[in-house]
Amino acid sequence: MVDEMLRKKTLKLDRRSFLSLKPKKSLSIEWREYDSGEVVITWTREDKSILRKTVNVLLMKPKVRKTILDDPRAVFVWKKLDGKTTIEEIIREFAKKFNFTPREAELSVTAFLSMLSKRRLIEVEVPESKQIRGG
């Protein structure tokens, strides 16, 4: 995932390379769109460390998690995450549909993608050719 790789400093992308990425919904989640327009995303939490697992058990956090997308802008972006559409294309279509400036659209879309990535709800494959080597 882009956020994890950037946090670990094992991967750096320039802006052009980032915008050319084609994010897709994670295969480990389920989602459903309702007649109301809302999208409900369901996934199982992965506790990779013993400490995290212990804390989650003590706090009685549910193993199955849900996220509800009730904002039409979030639903629009979610439905575009097909592994074929670039981030740049999503931003362009988002700006046009919701009457945002290109900069506003870029900030909104990238913030939303970052949230989805942190929750491991999306995946992005980064070709070797797009990676920038070095510190």
Protein backbone atom coordinates (compact mmCIF):
# COMPACT_ATOMS: atom_id res chain seq x y z
CA MET A 1 0.00 0.00 0.00
CA VAL A 2 1.26 3.43 -0.87
CA ASP A 3 0.91 4.90 2.65
CA GLU A 4 2.80 2.03 4.27
CA MET A 5 5.57 2.12 1.71
CA LEU A 6 5.97 5.87 2.02
CA ARG A 7 5.97 5.66 5.83
CA LYS A 8 8.71 3.02 5.72
CA LYS A 9 10.64 5.15 3.21
CA THR A 10 11.14 2.16 0.94
CA LEU A 11 9.34 3.87 -1.90
CA LYS A 12 9.09 7.42 -3.11
CA LEU A 13 6.93 8.64 -5.95
CA ASP A 14 7.02 11.93 -7.73
CA ARG A 15 3.68 13.66 -8.26
CA ARG A 16 3.33 12.54 -11.88
CA SER A 17 3.95 8.89 -10.95
CA PHE A 18 1.52 9.11 -8.04
CA LEU A 19 -1.23 10.56 -10.23
CA SER A 20 -0.71 7.77 -12.77
CA LEU A 21 -1.39 5.02 -10.20
CA LYS A 22 -4.55 2.93 -10.62
CA PRO A 23 -5.95 2.08 -7.17
CA LYS A 24 -8.45 -0.72 -6.72
CA LYS A 25 -10.67 -2.01 -3.95
CA SER A 26 -8.96 -4.60 -1.77
CA LEU A 27 -9.88 -8.20 -2.52
CA SER A 28 -10.24 -8.84 1.23
CA ILE A 29 -13.27 -6.58 1.65
CA GLU A 30 -16.93 -6.77 0.76
CA TRP A 31 -19.04 -3.80 -0.19
CA ARG A 32 -22.60 -3.05 -1.13
CA GLU A 33 -24.39 -0.02 -2.53
CA TYR A 34 -27.90 0.63 -1.24
CA ASP A 35 -30.83 2.34 -2.98
CA SER A 36 -30.21 5.35 -0.72
CA GLY A 37 -26.85 5.81 -2.47
CA GLU A 38 -24.84 4.79 0.59
CA VAL A 39 -22.03 2.29 0.29
CA VAL A 40 -21.23 -0.04 3.19
CA ILE A 41 -17.74 -1.57 3.24
CA THR A 42 -17.17 -4.60 5.47
CA TRP A 43 -13.82 -6.15 6.33
CA THR A 44 -12.13 -8.27 8.98
CA ARG A 45 -9.54 -6.56 11.15
CA GLU A 46 -6.07 -8.10 11.00
CA ASP A 47 -4.14 -8.05 14.28
CA LYS A 48 -0.54 -8.61 13.24
CA SER A 49 1.08 -8.09 16.63
CA ILE A 50 0.34 -9.82 19.92
CA LEU A 51 0.15 -6.45 21.68
CA ARG A 52 -2.43 -5.10 19.23
CA LYS A 53 -4.44 -8.31 19.44
CA THR A 54 -4.40 -8.18 23.26
CA VAL A 55 -5.45 -4.52 23.35
CA ASN A 56 -8.28 -5.15 20.89
CA VAL A 57 -9.53 -8.11 22.95
CA LEU A 58 -9.37 -6.09 26.19
CA LEU A 59 -11.21 -3.18 24.58
CA MET A 60 -13.68 -5.64 23.02
CA LYS A 61 -13.19 -4.18 19.56
CA PRO A 62 -15.15 -6.12 16.97
CA LYS A 63 -13.17 -8.28 14.55
CA VAL A 64 -15.50 -7.37 11.67
CA ARG A 65 -15.45 -3.67 10.85
CA LYS A 66 -17.73 -1.51 8.73
CA THR A 67 -17.33 1.83 7.06
CA ILE A 68 -20.35 3.66 5.70
CA LEU A 69 -19.88 6.07 2.82
CA ASP A 70 -22.87 8.38 2.86
CA ASP A 71 -21.30 11.35 1.09
CA PRO A 72 -21.96 11.31 -2.68
CA ARG A 73 -18.38 12.50 -3.29
CA ALA A 74 -16.92 9.56 -1.36
CA VAL A 75 -19.24 7.12 -3.13
CA PHE A 76 -18.22 8.60 -6.50
CA VAL A 77 -14.51 8.06 -5.78
CA TRP A 78 -15.12 4.59 -4.31
CA LYS A 79 -16.89 3.42 -7.44
CA LYS A 80 -13.98 4.64 -9.60
CA LEU A 81 -11.46 2.42 -7.77
CA ASP A 82 -11.39 -0.32 -10.39
CA GLY A 83 -7.66 -0.77 -11.00
CA LYS A 84 -8.06 0.75 -14.47
CA THR A 85 -8.75 4.43 -13.72
CA THR A 86 -5.77 6.59 -12.74
CA ILE A 87 -5.82 8.90 -9.75
CA GLU A 88 -5.46 11.80 -12.17
CA GLU A 89 -8.57 10.71 -14.10
CA ILE A 90 -10.53 10.32 -10.87
CA ILE A 91 -9.51 13.83 -9.78
CA ARG A 92 -10.44 15.33 -13.15
CA GLU A 93 -13.87 13.67 -13.19
CA PHE A 94 -14.44 14.55 -9.52
CA ALA A 95 -13.65 18.23 -10.15
CA LYS A 96 -16.03 18.36 -13.10
CA LYS A 97 -18.89 16.52 -11.40
CA PHE A 98 -18.75 18.41 -8.09
CA ASN A 99 -17.64 21.81 -9.42
CA PHE A 100 -14.30 21.84 -7.57
CA THR A 101 -11.13 23.53 -8.75
CA PRO A 102 -8.46 21.04 -9.84
CA ARG A 103 -6.47 21.76 -6.67
CA GLU A 104 -9.49 21.32 -4.37
CA ALA A 105 -10.37 18.06 -6.12
CA GLU A 106 -6.81 16.77 -5.81
CA LEU A 107 -6.68 17.53 -2.09
CA SER A 108 -10.09 15.94 -1.44
CA VAL A 109 -9.47 12.81 -3.48
CA THR A 110 -5.95 12.19 -2.17
CA ALA A 111 -7.07 12.68 1.46
CA PHE A 112 -9.87 10.16 0.93
CA LEU A 113 -7.53 7.68 -0.77
CA SER A 114 -5.09 8.06 2.11
CA MET A 115 -7.83 7.21 4.62
CA LEU A 116 -8.86 4.16 2.58
CA SER A 117 -5.24 3.06 2.31
CA LYS A 118 -4.62 3.36 6.05
CA ARG A 119 -7.63 1.13 6.66
CA ARG A 120 -6.31 -1.27 4.00
CA LEU A 121 -9.48 -0.99 1.95
CA ILE A 122 -7.64 -0.28 -1.30
CA GLU A 123 -4.58 -1.65 -3.06
CA VAL A 124 -2.15 -0.02 -5.45
CA GLU A 125 0.48 -1.78 -7.50
CA VAL A 126 3.47 0.42 -8.17
CA PRO A 127 5.51 -0.58 -11.23
CA GLU A 128 9.28 -0.61 -10.67
CA SER A 129 9.64 2.04 -13.37
CA LYS A 130 7.64 4.55 -11.29
CA GLN A 131 9.76 4.22 -8.14
CA ILE A 132 12.38 6.80 -7.27
CA ARG A 133 15.47 5.31 -5.67
CA GLY A 134 17.36 6.93 -2.86
CA GLY A 135 16.73 8.47 0.56
